[in-house]
Amino acid sequence: MKSYKKTFGSMNENIVSSYLKSNNYTIIETNYRHNLGEIDIIAKDKLNECICFIEVKSKFIDNFDTYPPVTKYQLNRIKRSAFVYLKKFFPNENARIDLIKVVNNGTNSSIDHIKDITW
């Protein structure tokens, strides 16, 4: 049985996938796992012709300002996994790492998409 945290996270990743599709992205893979780390969503930004490695952060209430959304450790793991993925599947593509924050109150969701947080 899934924990509440995993169920809530999966629900918000589905919300983000729908958001991305409606904004000219193609979802390539979700929950990519490698021994170096995990990437929540890998998508192609068709407008900018770029592979996007997306970290999804979700909260039930709006309190993102109380802590850094992605730690340096998490970011390094995402970068390492992204490099491995690019080398294997898209060696000649441009890439970036995005952060998408979802605030969900159970009825409504708001999305903040921050592109190219680092590379």
Protein backbone atom coordinates (compact mmCIF):
# COMPACT_ATOMS: atom_id res chain seq x y z
CA MET A 1 0.00 0.00 0.00
CA LYS A 2 1.33 3.43 -0.96
CA SER A 3 1.98 5.95 1.76
CA TYR A 4 0.05 9.23 1.75
CA LYS A 5 3.24 11.09 0.81
CA LYS A 6 3.84 8.88 -2.26
CA THR A 7 0.18 9.05 -3.31
CA PHE A 8 0.17 12.86 -2.94
CA GLY A 9 3.45 13.10 -4.86
CA SER A 10 2.16 10.86 -7.68
CA MET A 11 -1.04 12.90 -7.93
CA ASN A 12 0.96 16.11 -8.26
CA GLU A 13 3.33 14.58 -10.82
CA ASN A 14 0.22 13.74 -12.89
CA ILE A 15 -0.93 17.36 -12.56
CA VAL A 16 2.50 18.51 -13.74
CA SER A 17 2.46 16.06 -16.67
CA SER A 18 -0.89 17.48 -17.81
CA TYR A 19 0.46 21.02 -17.41
CA LEU A 20 3.54 20.17 -19.49
CA LYS A 21 1.51 18.53 -22.27
CA SER A 22 -0.73 21.59 -22.49
CA ASN A 23 2.38 23.79 -22.78
CA ASN A 24 3.99 22.09 -25.78
CA TYR A 25 6.05 19.43 -24.00
CA THR A 26 6.18 15.72 -24.75
CA ILE A 27 6.60 13.45 -21.74
CA ILE A 28 9.43 11.00 -22.40
CA GLU A 29 9.65 9.24 -19.06
CA THR A 30 8.51 9.59 -15.45
CA ASN A 31 10.25 8.49 -12.27
CA TYR A 32 13.51 7.62 -14.00
CA ARG A 33 15.78 5.86 -11.54
CA HIS A 34 19.49 5.31 -11.84
CA ASN A 35 21.95 4.28 -9.15
CA LEU A 36 23.18 7.90 -9.24
CA GLY A 37 19.75 9.41 -8.55
CA GLU A 38 16.16 9.89 -9.64
CA ILE A 39 14.46 12.30 -12.03
CA ASP A 40 10.74 12.92 -11.58
CA ILE A 41 9.90 13.78 -15.20
CA ILE A 42 11.91 13.81 -18.42
CA ALA A 43 10.21 15.78 -21.16
CA LYS A 44 10.97 17.40 -24.50
CA ASP A 45 10.25 21.11 -24.78
CA LYS A 46 9.13 21.17 -28.41
CA LEU A 47 9.23 24.96 -28.61
CA ASN A 48 12.88 25.23 -27.52
CA GLU A 49 13.91 21.79 -28.84
CA CYS A 50 15.40 20.83 -25.51
CA ILE A 51 15.32 17.79 -23.21
CA CYS A 52 14.11 18.86 -19.75
CA PHE A 53 14.89 17.05 -16.54
CA ILE A 54 12.17 18.15 -14.16
CA GLU A 55 12.15 18.03 -10.38
CA VAL A 56 8.63 18.26 -8.92
CA LYS A 57 8.16 19.66 -5.43
CA SER A 58 4.68 19.60 -3.96
CA LYS A 59 3.07 20.85 -0.79
CA PHE A 60 -0.45 20.74 0.51
CA ILE A 61 -0.32 24.41 1.52
CA ASP A 62 1.71 27.36 0.27
CA ASN A 63 4.87 27.25 2.36
CA PHE A 64 7.67 26.90 -0.20
CA ASP A 65 9.47 29.97 1.13
CA THR A 66 10.31 28.22 4.40
CA TYR A 67 13.12 26.07 2.96
CA PRO A 68 15.25 25.70 -0.19
CA PRO A 69 13.17 23.76 -2.73
CA VAL A 70 16.09 21.64 -3.99
CA THR A 71 19.20 20.93 -1.94
CA LYS A 72 22.67 20.99 -3.46
CA TYR A 73 22.88 17.23 -2.83
CA GLN A 74 19.60 16.59 -4.70
CA LEU A 75 20.67 18.83 -7.56
CA ASN A 76 23.99 17.01 -7.95
CA ARG A 77 22.17 13.66 -8.06
CA ILE A 78 19.76 15.01 -10.70
CA LYS A 79 22.68 16.34 -12.77
CA ARG A 80 24.57 13.05 -12.65
CA SER A 81 21.47 11.07 -13.63
CA ALA A 82 20.68 13.56 -16.40
CA PHE A 83 24.19 13.27 -17.88
CA VAL A 84 23.92 9.47 -17.94
CA TYR A 85 20.45 9.63 -19.52
CA LEU A 86 21.53 12.16 -22.17
CA LYS A 87 24.62 10.18 -23.10
CA LYS A 88 22.57 7.00 -23.52
CA PHE A 89 19.41 8.28 -25.24
CA PHE A 90 19.91 11.87 -26.52
CA PRO A 91 23.65 12.51 -26.96
CA ASN A 92 23.21 15.42 -29.38
CA GLU A 93 20.32 17.25 -27.70
CA ASN A 94 20.35 20.46 -25.69
CA ALA A 95 19.20 19.97 -22.11
CA ARG A 96 18.22 21.83 -18.98
CA ILE A 97 16.99 21.16 -15.46
CA ASP A 98 13.66 22.68 -14.41
CA LEU A 99 11.90 22.92 -11.09
CA ILE A 100 8.12 22.80 -10.92
CA LYS A 101 6.49 23.62 -7.60
CA VAL A 102 2.91 22.54 -7.02
CA VAL A 103 0.78 23.88 -4.20
CA ASN A 104 -2.32 21.76 -3.76
CA ASN A 105 -5.08 22.45 -1.24
CA GLY A 106 -7.09 19.36 -2.14
CA THR A 107 -9.43 21.25 -4.46
CA ASN A 108 -7.18 23.51 -6.51
CA SER A 109 -3.56 23.42 -7.60
CA SER A 110 -1.17 26.19 -8.54
CA ILE A 111 2.00 25.60 -10.53
CA ASP A 112 5.22 27.59 -10.57
CA HIS A 113 7.54 26.48 -13.40
CA ILE A 114 11.13 27.65 -13.00
CA LYS A 115 13.16 26.86 -16.10
CA ASP A 116 16.88 26.17 -16.29
CA ILE A 117 17.64 26.22 -12.57
CA THR A 118 21.23 25.14 -13.27
CA TRP A 119 23.41 23.06 -15.50
